[in-house]
Amino acid sequence: NIKTAGDTFLDMTNWGKGIVFVNGHNLGRYWKVGPQQTLY
């Protein structure tokens, strides 16, 4: 829950490999090898 909406970055640093949905939106792929470790 949040009081005020704003942009953020999900920190997937300690995860393995996969995809993330937020409120029905597919944010895309993450993978522990990097260099990208967050999802916008």
PDB file of all heavy atoms in Angstrom:
ATOM      1  N   ASN A   1       0.837  -1.199   0.000  1.00  0.00           N
ATOM      2  CA  ASN A   1       0.000   0.000   0.000  1.00  0.00           C
ATOM      3  C   ASN A   1       0.873   1.250   0.000  1.00  0.00           C
ATOM      4  O   ASN A   1       1.914   1.291   0.662  1.00  0.00           O
ATOM      5  CB  ASN A   1      -0.909   0.020   1.234  1.00  0.00           C
ATOM      6  CG  ASN A   1      -2.047  -0.979   1.119  1.00  0.00           C
ATOM      7  OD1 ASN A   1      -3.085  -0.699   0.550  1.00  0.00           O
ATOM      8  ND2 ASN A   1      -1.832  -2.174   1.670  1.00  0.00           N
ATOM      9  N   ILE A   2       0.450   2.251  -0.764  1.00  0.00           N
ATOM     10  CA  ILE A   2       1.142   3.526  -0.777  1.00  0.00           C
ATOM     11  C   ILE A   2       0.110   4.654  -0.671  1.00  0.00           C
ATOM     12  O   ILE A   2      -1.020   4.516  -1.114  1.00  0.00           O
ATOM     13  CB  ILE A   2       1.992   3.719  -2.046  1.00  0.00           C
ATOM     14  CG1 ILE A   2       1.146   3.523  -3.313  1.00  0.00           C
ATOM     15  CG2 ILE A   2       3.192   2.776  -2.037  1.00  0.00           C
ATOM     16  CD1 ILE A   2       1.897   3.846  -4.601  1.00  0.00           C
ATOM     17  N   LYS A   3       0.529   5.755  -0.115  1.00  0.00           N
ATOM     18  CA  LYS A   3      -0.353   6.914  -0.001  1.00  0.00           C
ATOM     19  C   LYS A   3      -0.283   7.783  -1.252  1.00  0.00           C
ATOM     20  O   LYS A   3      -1.294   8.337  -1.688  1.00  0.00           O
ATOM     21  CB  LYS A   3       0.023   7.737   1.237  1.00  0.00           C
ATOM     22  CG  LYS A   3      -0.272   7.037   2.557  1.00  0.00           C
ATOM     23  CD  LYS A   3       0.070   7.944   3.731  1.00  0.00           C
ATOM     24  CE  LYS A   3      -0.248   7.265   5.069  1.00  0.00           C
ATOM     25  NZ  LYS A   3       0.111   8.129   6.217  1.00  0.00           N
ATOM     26  N   THR A   4       0.913   7.896  -1.807  1.00  0.00           N
ATOM     27  CA  THR A   4       1.107   8.735  -2.992  1.00  0.00           C
ATOM     28  C   THR A   4       1.892   7.944  -4.034  1.00  0.00           C
ATOM     29  O   THR A   4       2.957   7.393  -3.733  1.00  0.00           O
ATOM     30  CB  THR A   4       1.871  10.026  -2.646  1.00  0.00           C
ATOM     31  OG1 THR A   4       1.171  10.711  -1.605  1.00  0.00           O
ATOM     32  CG2 THR A   4       1.992  10.924  -3.857  1.00  0.00           C
ATOM     33  N   ALA A   5       1.368   7.894  -5.236  1.00  0.00           N
ATOM     34  CA  ALA A   5       2.029   7.143  -6.305  1.00  0.00           C
ATOM     35  C   ALA A   5       3.228   7.916  -6.845  1.00  0.00           C
ATOM     36  O   ALA A   5       3.246   9.152  -6.856  1.00  0.00           O
ATOM     37  CB  ALA A   5       1.047   6.837  -7.426  1.00  0.00           C
ATOM     38  N   GLY A   6       4.222   7.189  -7.280  1.00  0.00           N
ATOM     39  CA  GLY A   6       5.401   7.765  -7.915  1.00  0.00           C
ATOM     40  C   GLY A   6       6.208   6.662  -8.567  1.00  0.00           C
ATOM     41  O   GLY A   6       5.987   5.475  -8.315  1.00  0.00           O
ATOM     42  N   ASP A   7       7.129   7.046  -9.424  1.00  0.00           N
ATOM     43  CA  ASP A   7       8.003   6.044 -10.046  1.00  0.00           C
ATOM     44  C   ASP A   7       8.861   5.368  -8.977  1.00  0.00           C
ATOM     45  O   ASP A   7       9.244   5.998  -7.975  1.00  0.00           O
ATOM     46  CB  ASP A   7       8.930   6.701 -11.064  1.00  0.00           C
ATOM     47  CG  ASP A   7       8.213   7.196 -12.308  1.00  0.00           C
ATOM     48  OD1 ASP A   7       7.007   6.901 -12.463  1.00  0.00           O
ATOM     49  OD2 ASP A   7       8.853   7.875 -13.130  1.00  0.00           O
ATOM     50  N   THR A   8       9.196   4.101  -9.232  1.00  0.00           N
ATOM     51  CA  THR A   8      10.125   3.397  -8.357  1.00  0.00           C
ATOM     52  C   THR A   8      10.835   2.321  -9.163  1.00  0.00           C
ATOM     53  O   THR A   8      10.526   2.095 -10.338  1.00  0.00           O
ATOM     54  CB  THR A   8       9.401   2.814  -7.125  1.00  0.00           C
ATOM     55  OG1 THR A   8      10.367   2.413  -6.152  1.00  0.00           O
ATOM     56  CG2 THR A   8       8.531   1.619  -7.493  1.00  0.00           C
ATOM     57  N   PHE A   9      11.804   1.667  -8.533  1.00  0.00           N
ATOM     58  CA  PHE A   9      12.583   0.616  -9.193  1.00  0.00           C
ATOM     59  C   PHE A   9      12.600  -0.609  -8.288  1.00  0.00           C
ATOM     60  O   PHE A   9      13.110  -0.540  -7.167  1.00  0.00           O
ATOM     61  CB  PHE A   9      14.017   1.091  -9.464  1.00  0.00           C
ATOM     62  CG  PHE A   9      14.102   2.324 -10.316  1.00  0.00           C
ATOM     63  CD1 PHE A   9      14.045   3.591  -9.751  1.00  0.00           C
ATOM     64  CD2 PHE A   9      14.217   2.216 -11.697  1.00  0.00           C
ATOM     65  CE1 PHE A   9      14.114   4.737 -10.535  1.00  0.00           C
ATOM     66  CE2 PHE A   9      14.289   3.348 -12.494  1.00  0.00           C
ATOM     67  CZ  PHE A   9      14.231   4.607 -11.920  1.00  0.00           C
ATOM     68  N   LEU A  10      12.038  -1.702  -8.766  1.00  0.00           N
ATOM     69  CA  LEU A  10      12.054  -2.928  -7.976  1.00  0.00           C
ATOM     70  C   LEU A  10      13.470  -3.495  -7.956  1.00  0.00           C
ATOM     71  O   LEU A  10      14.084  -3.709  -9.010  1.00  0.00           O
ATOM     72  CB  LEU A  10      11.096  -3.963  -8.555  1.00  0.00           C
ATOM     73  CG  LEU A  10       9.596  -3.708  -8.365  1.00  0.00           C
ATOM     74  CD1 LEU A  10       8.796  -4.881  -8.918  1.00  0.00           C
ATOM     75  CD2 LEU A  10       9.253  -3.481  -6.896  1.00  0.00           C
ATOM     76  N   ASP A  11      13.972  -3.743  -6.769  1.00  0.00           N
ATOM     77  CA  ASP A  11      15.331  -4.258  -6.597  1.00  0.00           C
ATOM     78  C   ASP A  11      15.300  -5.781  -6.670  1.00  0.00           C
ATOM     79  O   ASP A  11      14.815  -6.451  -5.762  1.00  0.00           O
ATOM     80  CB  ASP A  11      15.897  -3.795  -5.261  1.00  0.00           C
ATOM     81  CG  ASP A  11      17.357  -4.160  -5.085  1.00  0.00           C
ATOM     82  OD1 ASP A  11      17.917  -4.836  -5.974  1.00  0.00           O
ATOM     83  OD2 ASP A  11      17.947  -3.773  -4.056  1.00  0.00           O
ATOM     84  N   MET A  12      15.837  -6.338  -7.765  1.00  0.00           N
ATOM     85  CA  MET A  12      15.831  -7.790  -7.983  1.00  0.00           C
ATOM     86  C   MET A  12      17.224  -8.387  -7.785  1.00  0.00           C
ATOM     87  O   MET A  12      17.504  -9.513  -8.231  1.00  0.00           O
ATOM     88  CB  MET A  12      15.319  -8.113  -9.394  1.00  0.00           C
ATOM     89  CG  MET A  12      14.020  -7.436  -9.778  1.00  0.00           C
ATOM     90  SD  MET A  12      12.643  -7.735  -8.638  1.00  0.00           S
ATOM     91  CE  MET A  12      12.386  -9.497  -8.841  1.00  0.00           C
ATOM     92  N   THR A  13      18.082  -7.679  -7.075  1.00  0.00           N
ATOM     93  CA  THR A  13      19.475  -8.076  -6.918  1.00  0.00           C
ATOM     94  C   THR A  13      19.628  -9.492  -6.396  1.00  0.00           C
ATOM     95  O   THR A  13      20.505 -10.244  -6.838  1.00  0.00           O
ATOM     96  CB  THR A  13      20.214  -7.096  -5.985  1.00  0.00           C
ATOM     97  OG1 THR A  13      20.091  -5.770  -6.512  1.00  0.00           O
ATOM     98  CG2 THR A  13      21.675  -7.469  -5.855  1.00  0.00           C
ATOM     99  N   ASN A  14      18.806  -9.894  -5.447  1.00  0.00           N
ATOM    100  CA  ASN A  14      18.966 -11.201  -4.798  1.00  0.00           C
ATOM    101  C   ASN A  14      18.070 -12.276  -5.400  1.00  0.00           C
ATOM    102  O   ASN A  14      17.951 -13.365  -4.830  1.00  0.00           O
ATOM    103  CB  ASN A  14      18.686 -11.063  -3.297  1.00  0.00           C
ATOM    104  CG  ASN A  14      19.685 -10.132  -2.618  1.00  0.00           C
ATOM    105  OD1 ASN A  14      20.880 -10.184  -2.905  1.00  0.00           O
ATOM    106  ND2 ASN A  14      19.192  -9.267  -1.748  1.00  0.00           N
ATOM    107  N   TRP A  15      17.464 -11.977  -6.531  1.00  0.00           N
ATOM    108  CA  TRP A  15      16.607 -12.943  -7.194  1.00  0.00           C
ATOM    109  C   TRP A  15      17.394 -13.667  -8.290  1.00  0.00           C
ATOM    110  O   TRP A  15      18.559 -13.358  -8.528  1.00  0.00           O
ATOM    111  CB  TRP A  15      15.371 -12.248  -7.766  1.00  0.00           C
ATOM    112  CG  TRP A  15      14.448 -11.728  -6.693  1.00  0.00           C
ATOM    113  CD1 TRP A  15      14.713 -10.738  -5.785  1.00  0.00           C
ATOM    114  CD2 TRP A  15      13.134 -12.185  -6.403  1.00  0.00           C
ATOM    115  NE1 TRP A  15      13.627 -10.539  -4.949  1.00  0.00           N
ATOM    116  CE2 TRP A  15      12.645 -11.419  -5.316  1.00  0.00           C
ATOM    117  CE3 TRP A  15      12.300 -13.148  -6.964  1.00  0.00           C
ATOM    118  CZ2 TRP A  15      11.370 -11.601  -4.771  1.00  0.00           C
ATOM    119  CZ3 TRP A  15      11.026 -13.330  -6.425  1.00  0.00           C
ATOM    120  CH2 TRP A  15      10.584 -12.569  -5.352  1.00  0.00           C
ATOM    121  N   GLY A  16      16.756 -14.612  -8.962  1.00  0.00           N
ATOM    122  CA  GLY A  16      17.452 -15.415  -9.958  1.00  0.00           C
ATOM    123  C   GLY A  16      17.191 -14.973 -11.377  1.00  0.00           C
ATOM    124  O   GLY A  16      17.982 -14.255 -11.988  1.00  0.00           O
ATOM    125  N   LYS A  17      16.051 -15.386 -11.917  1.00  0.00           N
ATOM    126  CA  LYS A  17      15.712 -15.050 -13.291  1.00  0.00           C
ATOM    127  C   LYS A  17      14.208 -15.165 -13.453  1.00  0.00           C
ATOM    128  O   LYS A  17      13.597 -16.125 -12.969  1.00  0.00           O
ATOM    129  CB  LYS A  17      16.410 -15.999 -14.275  1.00  0.00           C
ATOM    130  CG  LYS A  17      16.366 -15.562 -15.734  1.00  0.00           C
ATOM    131  CD  LYS A  17      17.196 -16.497 -16.600  1.00  0.00           C
ATOM    132  CE  LYS A  17      17.502 -15.883 -17.960  1.00  0.00           C
ATOM    133  NZ  LYS A  17      16.294 -15.544 -18.726  1.00  0.00           N
ATOM    134  N   GLY A  18      13.600 -14.209 -14.132  1.00  0.00           N
ATOM    135  CA  GLY A  18      12.157 -14.289 -14.327  1.00  0.00           C
ATOM    136  C   GLY A  18      11.568 -12.998 -14.821  1.00  0.00           C
ATOM    137  O   GLY A  18      12.257 -12.152 -15.410  1.00  0.00           O
ATOM    138  N   ILE A  19      10.272 -12.834 -14.580  1.00  0.00           N
ATOM    139  CA  ILE A  19       9.535 -11.646 -14.999  1.00  0.00           C
ATOM    140  C   ILE A  19       8.665 -11.172 -13.850  1.00  0.00           C
ATOM    141  O   ILE A  19       8.350 -11.945 -12.924  1.00  0.00           O
ATOM    142  CB  ILE A  19       8.660 -11.919 -16.246  1.00  0.00           C
ATOM    143  CG1 ILE A  19       7.689 -13.086 -15.978  1.00  0.00           C
ATOM    144  CG2 ILE A  19       9.518 -12.200 -17.459  1.00  0.00           C
ATOM    145  CD1 ILE A  19       6.694 -13.347 -17.090  1.00  0.00           C
ATOM    146  N   VAL A  20       8.245  -9.905 -13.917  1.00  0.00           N
ATOM    147  CA  VAL A  20       7.454  -9.310 -12.839  1.00  0.00           C
ATOM    148  C   VAL A  20       6.255  -8.581 -13.422  1.00  0.00           C
ATOM    149  O   VAL A  20       6.388  -7.822 -14.390  1.00  0.00           O
ATOM    150  CB  VAL A  20       8.295  -8.320 -12.002  1.00  0.00           C
ATOM    151  CG1 VAL A  20       7.449  -7.710 -10.893  1.00  0.00           C
ATOM    152  CG2 VAL A  20       9.524  -9.014 -11.420  1.00  0.00           C
ATOM    153  N   PHE A  21       5.097  -8.815 -12.812  1.00  0.00           N
ATOM    154  CA  PHE A  21       3.887  -8.058 -13.124  1.00  0.00           C
ATOM    155  C   PHE A  21       3.560  -7.148 -11.936  1.00  0.00           C
ATOM    156  O   PHE A  21       3.600  -7.591 -10.778  1.00  0.00           O
ATOM    157  CB  PHE A  21       2.686  -8.986 -13.340  1.00  0.00           C
ATOM    158  CG  PHE A  21       2.780  -9.886 -14.539  1.00  0.00           C
ATOM    159  CD1 PHE A  21       3.425 -11.107 -14.458  1.00  0.00           C
ATOM    160  CD2 PHE A  21       2.219  -9.515 -15.757  1.00  0.00           C
ATOM    161  CE1 PHE A  21       3.497 -11.953 -15.554  1.00  0.00           C
ATOM    162  CE2 PHE A  21       2.287 -10.354 -16.856  1.00  0.00           C
ATOM    163  CZ  PHE A  21       2.928 -11.576 -16.759  1.00  0.00           C
ATOM    164  N   VAL A  22       3.205  -5.897 -12.219  1.00  0.00           N
ATOM    165  CA  VAL A  22       2.696  -4.983 -11.192  1.00  0.00           C
ATOM    166  C   VAL A  22       1.353  -4.454 -11.670  1.00  0.00           C
ATOM    167  O   VAL A  22       1.269  -3.845 -12.736  1.00  0.00           O
ATOM    168  CB  VAL A  22       3.673  -3.824 -10.928  1.00  0.00           C
ATOM    169  CG1 VAL A  22       3.035  -2.790 -10.006  1.00  0.00           C
ATOM    170  CG2 VAL A  22       4.961  -4.343 -10.297  1.00  0.00           C
ATOM    171  N   ASN A  23       0.328  -4.746 -10.913  1.00  0.00           N
ATOM    172  CA  ASN A  23      -1.042  -4.320 -11.267  1.00  0.00           C
ATOM    173  C   ASN A  23      -1.392  -4.697 -12.707  1.00  0.00           C
ATOM    174  O   ASN A  23      -2.021  -3.936 -13.445  1.00  0.00           O
ATOM    175  CB  ASN A  23      -1.223  -2.818 -11.047  1.00  0.00           C
ATOM    176  CG  ASN A  23      -1.150  -2.440  -9.579  1.00  0.00           C
ATOM    177  OD1 ASN A  23      -1.426  -3.259  -8.694  1.00  0.00           O
ATOM    178  ND2 ASN A  23      -0.795  -1.207  -9.302  1.00  0.00           N
ATOM    179  N   GLY A  24      -0.968  -5.882 -13.101  1.00  0.00           N
ATOM    180  CA  GLY A  24      -1.303  -6.396 -14.422  1.00  0.00           C
ATOM    181  C   GLY A  24      -0.337  -6.027 -15.532  1.00  0.00           C
ATOM    182  O   GLY A  24      -0.462  -6.534 -16.647  1.00  0.00           O
ATOM    183  N   HIS A  25       0.623  -5.147 -15.265  1.00  0.00           N
ATOM    184  CA  HIS A  25       1.601  -4.724 -16.272  1.00  0.00           C
ATOM    185  C   HIS A  25       2.853  -5.582 -16.175  1.00  0.00           C
ATOM    186  O   HIS A  25       3.456  -5.697 -15.105  1.00  0.00           O
ATOM    187  CB  HIS A  25       1.982  -3.249 -16.077  1.00  0.00           C
ATOM    188  CG  HIS A  25       0.851  -2.301 -16.237  1.00  0.00           C
ATOM    189  ND1 HIS A  25       0.440  -1.818 -17.461  1.00  0.00           N
ATOM    190  CD2 HIS A  25       0.020  -1.730 -15.322  1.00  0.00           C
ATOM    191  CE1 HIS A  25      -0.585  -0.989 -17.303  1.00  0.00           C
ATOM    192  NE2 HIS A  25      -0.857  -0.926 -16.016  1.00  0.00           N
ATOM    193  N   ASN A  26       3.270  -6.159 -17.289  1.00  0.00           N
ATOM    194  CA  ASN A  26       4.496  -6.945 -17.334  1.00  0.00           C
ATOM    195  C   ASN A  26       5.673  -5.985 -17.462  1.00  0.00           C
ATOM    196  O   ASN A  26       5.879  -5.370 -18.506  1.00  0.00           O
ATOM    197  CB  ASN A  26       4.448  -7.915 -18.518  1.00  0.00           C
ATOM    198  CG  ASN A  26       5.617  -8.888 -18.542  1.00  0.00           C
ATOM    199  OD1 ASN A  26       6.666  -8.627 -17.957  1.00  0.00           O
ATOM    200  ND2 ASN A  26       5.448 -10.002 -19.222  1.00  0.00           N
ATOM    201  N   LEU A  27       6.465  -5.870 -16.397  1.00  0.00           N
ATOM    202  CA  LEU A  27       7.592  -4.935 -16.386  1.00  0.00           C
ATOM    203  C   LEU A  27       8.759  -5.423 -17.220  1.00  0.00           C
ATOM    204  O   LEU A  27       9.621  -4.634 -17.606  1.00  0.00           O
ATOM    205  CB  LEU A  27       8.076  -4.719 -14.945  1.00  0.00           C
ATOM    206  CG  LEU A  27       7.060  -4.200 -13.933  1.00  0.00           C
ATOM    207  CD1 LEU A  27       7.734  -4.025 -12.576  1.00  0.00           C
ATOM    208  CD2 LEU A  27       6.430  -2.895 -14.393  1.00  0.00           C
ATOM    209  N   GLY A  28       8.805  -6.739 -17.495  1.00  0.00           N
ATOM    210  CA  GLY A  28       9.893  -7.286 -18.274  1.00  0.00           C
ATOM    211  C   GLY A  28      10.721  -8.282 -17.492  1.00  0.00           C
ATOM    212  O   GLY A  28      10.365  -8.717 -16.402  1.00  0.00           O
ATOM    213  N   ARG A  29      11.863  -8.618 -18.063  1.00  0.00           N
ATOM    214  CA  ARG A  29      12.726  -9.690 -17.573  1.00  0.00           C
ATOM    215  C   ARG A  29      13.782  -9.151 -16.608  1.00  0.00           C
ATOM    216  O   ARG A  29      14.347  -8.079 -16.811  1.00  0.00           O
ATOM    217  CB  ARG A  29      13.403 -10.349 -18.778  1.00  0.00           C
ATOM    218  CG  ARG A  29      14.337 -11.483 -18.501  1.00  0.00           C
ATOM    219  CD  ARG A  29      14.967 -12.011 -19.791  1.00  0.00           C
ATOM    220  NE  ARG A  29      13.971 -12.688 -20.620  1.00  0.00           N
ATOM    221  CZ  ARG A  29      13.525 -12.229 -21.781  1.00  0.00           C
ATOM    222  NH1 ARG A  29      13.959 -11.064 -22.248  1.00  0.00           N
ATOM    223  NH2 ARG A  29      12.630 -12.895 -22.476  1.00  0.00           N
ATOM    224  N   TYR A  30      14.091  -9.928 -15.564  1.00  0.00           N
ATOM    225  CA  TYR A  30      15.269  -9.685 -14.729  1.00  0.00           C
ATOM    226  C   TYR A  30      16.138 -10.935 -14.775  1.00  0.00           C
ATOM    227  O   TYR A  30      15.671 -12.033 -15.080  1.00  0.00           O
ATOM    228  CB  TYR A  30      14.882  -9.343 -13.276  1.00  0.00           C
ATOM    229  CG  TYR A  30      14.215 -10.480 -12.533  1.00  0.00           C
ATOM    230  CD1 TYR A  30      14.957 -11.429 -11.826  1.00  0.00           C
ATOM    231  CD2 TYR A  30      12.830 -10.628 -12.534  1.00  0.00           C
ATOM    232  CE1 TYR A  30      14.343 -12.490 -11.160  1.00  0.00           C
ATOM    233  CE2 TYR A  30      12.205 -11.675 -11.875  1.00  0.00           C
ATOM    234  CZ  TYR A  30      12.969 -12.604 -11.190  1.00  0.00           C
ATOM    235  OH  TYR A  30      12.362 -13.653 -10.536  1.00  0.00           O
ATOM    236  N   TRP A  31      17.431 -10.776 -14.480  1.00  0.00           N
ATOM    237  CA  TRP A  31      18.360 -11.904 -14.482  1.00  0.00           C
ATOM    238  C   TRP A  31      19.558 -11.531 -13.614  1.00  0.00           C
ATOM    239  O   TRP A  31      20.140 -10.462 -13.790  1.00  0.00           O
ATOM    240  CB  TRP A  31      18.797 -12.214 -15.911  1.00  0.00           C
ATOM    241  CG  TRP A  31      19.574 -13.494 -16.083  1.00  0.00           C
ATOM    242  CD1 TRP A  31      19.747 -14.499 -15.165  1.00  0.00           C
ATOM    243  CD2 TRP A  31      20.285 -13.906 -17.258  1.00  0.00           C
ATOM    244  NE1 TRP A  31      20.504 -15.505 -15.694  1.00  0.00           N
ATOM    245  CE2 TRP A  31      20.854 -15.181 -16.982  1.00  0.00           C
ATOM    246  CE3 TRP A  31      20.489 -13.338 -18.517  1.00  0.00           C
ATOM    247  CZ2 TRP A  31      21.615 -15.873 -17.910  1.00  0.00           C
ATOM    248  CZ3 TRP A  31      21.245 -14.026 -19.449  1.00  0.00           C
ATOM    249  CH2 TRP A  31      21.800 -15.286 -19.143  1.00  0.00           C
ATOM    250  N   LYS A  32      19.907 -12.401 -12.699  1.00  0.00           N
ATOM    251  CA  LYS A  32      20.922 -12.103 -11.693  1.00  0.00           C
ATOM    252  C   LYS A  32      22.294 -11.779 -12.271  1.00  0.00           C
ATOM    253  O   LYS A  32      23.108 -11.118 -11.616  1.00  0.00           O
ATOM    254  CB  LYS A  32      21.050 -13.263 -10.710  1.00  0.00           C
ATOM    255  CG  LYS A  32      21.516 -14.569 -11.328  1.00  0.00           C
ATOM    256  CD  LYS A  32      21.554 -15.693 -10.296  1.00  0.00           C
ATOM    257  CE  LYS A  32      21.986 -17.015 -10.927  1.00  0.00           C
ATOM    258  NZ  LYS A  32      21.979 -18.116  -9.926  1.00  0.00           N
ATOM    259  N   VAL A  33      22.581 -12.199 -13.510  1.00  0.00           N
ATOM    260  CA  VAL A  33      23.904 -11.931 -14.086  1.00  0.00           C
ATOM    261  C   VAL A  33      24.143 -10.443 -14.311  1.00  0.00           C
ATOM    262  O   VAL A  33      25.285 -10.000 -14.440  1.00  0.00           O
ATOM    263  CB  VAL A  33      24.110 -12.703 -15.409  1.00  0.00           C
ATOM    264  CG1 VAL A  33      24.018 -14.203 -15.183  1.00  0.00           C
ATOM    265  CG2 VAL A  33      23.114 -12.254 -16.484  1.00  0.00           C
ATOM    266  N   GLY A  34      23.070  -9.642 -14.383  1.00  0.00           N
ATOM    267  CA  GLY A  34      23.205  -8.214 -14.618  1.00  0.00           C
ATOM    268  C   GLY A  34      23.586  -7.898 -16.043  1.00  0.00           C
ATOM    269  O   GLY A  34      23.521  -8.750 -16.931  1.00  0.00           O
ATOM    270  N   PRO A  35      23.991  -6.667 -16.330  1.00  0.00           N
ATOM    271  CA  PRO A  35      24.284  -5.604 -15.368  1.00  0.00           C
ATOM    272  C   PRO A  35      23.042  -4.936 -14.765  1.00  0.00           C
ATOM    273  O   PRO A  35      23.152  -4.243 -13.761  1.00  0.00           O
ATOM    274  CB  PRO A  35      25.070  -4.609 -16.205  1.00  0.00           C
ATOM    275  CG  PRO A  35      24.497  -4.763 -17.586  1.00  0.00           C
ATOM    276  CD  PRO A  35      24.222  -6.231 -17.727  1.00  0.00           C
ATOM    277  N   GLN A  36      21.869  -5.140 -15.366  1.00  0.00           N
ATOM    278  CA  GLN A  36      20.646  -4.555 -14.831  1.00  0.00           C
ATOM    279  C   GLN A  36      20.159  -5.389 -13.653  1.00  0.00           C
ATOM    280  O   GLN A  36      19.982  -6.602 -13.763  1.00  0.00           O
ATOM    281  CB  GLN A  36      19.566  -4.515 -15.915  1.00  0.00           C
ATOM    282  CG  GLN A  36      18.227  -3.973 -15.432  1.00  0.00           C
ATOM    283  CD  GLN A  36      17.168  -3.945 -16.520  1.00  0.00           C
ATOM    284  OE1 GLN A  36      17.452  -4.203 -17.688  1.00  0.00           O
ATOM    285  NE2 GLN A  36      15.944  -3.647 -16.149  1.00  0.00           N
ATOM    286  N   GLN A  37      19.936  -4.719 -12.519  1.00  0.00           N
ATOM    287  CA  GLN A  37      19.462  -5.426 -11.328  1.00  0.00           C
ATOM    288  C   GLN A  37      18.124  -4.887 -10.818  1.00  0.00           C
ATOM    289  O   GLN A  37      17.595  -5.391  -9.831  1.00  0.00           O
ATOM    290  CB  GLN A  37      20.499  -5.326 -10.202  1.00  0.00           C
ATOM    291  CG  GLN A  37      21.865  -5.898 -10.549  1.00  0.00           C
ATOM    292  CD  GLN A  37      21.879  -7.412 -10.677  1.00  0.00           C
ATOM    293  OE1 GLN A  37      20.924  -8.086 -10.309  1.00  0.00           O
ATOM    294  NE2 GLN A  37      22.964  -7.967 -11.208  1.00  0.00           N
ATOM    295  N   THR A  38      17.585  -3.878 -11.480  1.00  0.00           N
ATOM    296  CA  THR A  38      16.291  -3.307 -11.088  1.00  0.00           C
ATOM    297  C   THR A  38      15.337  -3.327 -12.263  1.00  0.00           C
ATOM    298  O   THR A  38      15.749  -3.424 -13.414  1.00  0.00           O
ATOM    299  CB  THR A  38      16.449  -1.851 -10.605  1.00  0.00           C
ATOM    300  OG1 THR A  38      17.157  -1.096 -11.601  1.00  0.00           O
ATOM    301  CG2 THR A  38      17.184  -1.783  -9.274  1.00  0.00           C
ATOM    302  N   LEU A  39      14.050  -3.207 -11.951  1.00  0.00           N
ATOM    303  CA  LEU A  39      13.014  -3.065 -12.971  1.00  0.00           C
ATOM    304  C   LEU A  39      12.265  -1.764 -12.721  1.00  0.00           C
ATOM    305  O   LEU A  39      11.791  -1.510 -11.598  1.00  0.00           O
ATOM    306  CB  LEU A  39      12.043  -4.243 -12.935  1.00  0.00           C
ATOM    307  CG  LEU A  39      12.558  -5.576 -13.488  1.00  0.00           C
ATOM    308  CD1 LEU A  39      11.544  -6.685 -13.217  1.00  0.00           C
ATOM    309  CD2 LEU A  39      12.857  -5.494 -14.977  1.00  0.00           C
ATOM    310  N   TYR A  40      12.147  -0.965 -13.762  1.00  0.00           N
ATOM    311  CA  TYR A  40      11.463   0.324 -13.664  1.00  0.00           C
ATOM    312  C   TYR A  40       9.958   0.121 -13.537  1.00  0.00           C
ATOM    313  O   TYR A  40       9.345  -0.594 -14.330  1.00  0.00           O
ATOM    314  CB  TYR A  40      11.776   1.147 -14.910  1.00  0.00           C
ATOM    315  CG  TYR A  40      10.995   2.432 -15.056  1.00  0.00           C
ATOM    316  CD1 TYR A  40      10.952   3.375 -14.034  1.00  0.00           C
ATOM    317  CD2 TYR A  40      10.308   2.708 -16.240  1.00  0.00           C
ATOM    318  CE1 TYR A  40      10.238   4.555 -14.182  1.00  0.00           C
ATOM    319  CE2 TYR A  40       9.604   3.892 -16.402  1.00  0.00           C
ATOM    320  CZ  TYR A  40       9.567   4.813 -15.372  1.00  0.00           C
ATOM    321  OH  TYR A  40       8.854   5.970 -15.517  1.00  0.00           O
TER     322      TYR A  40
END
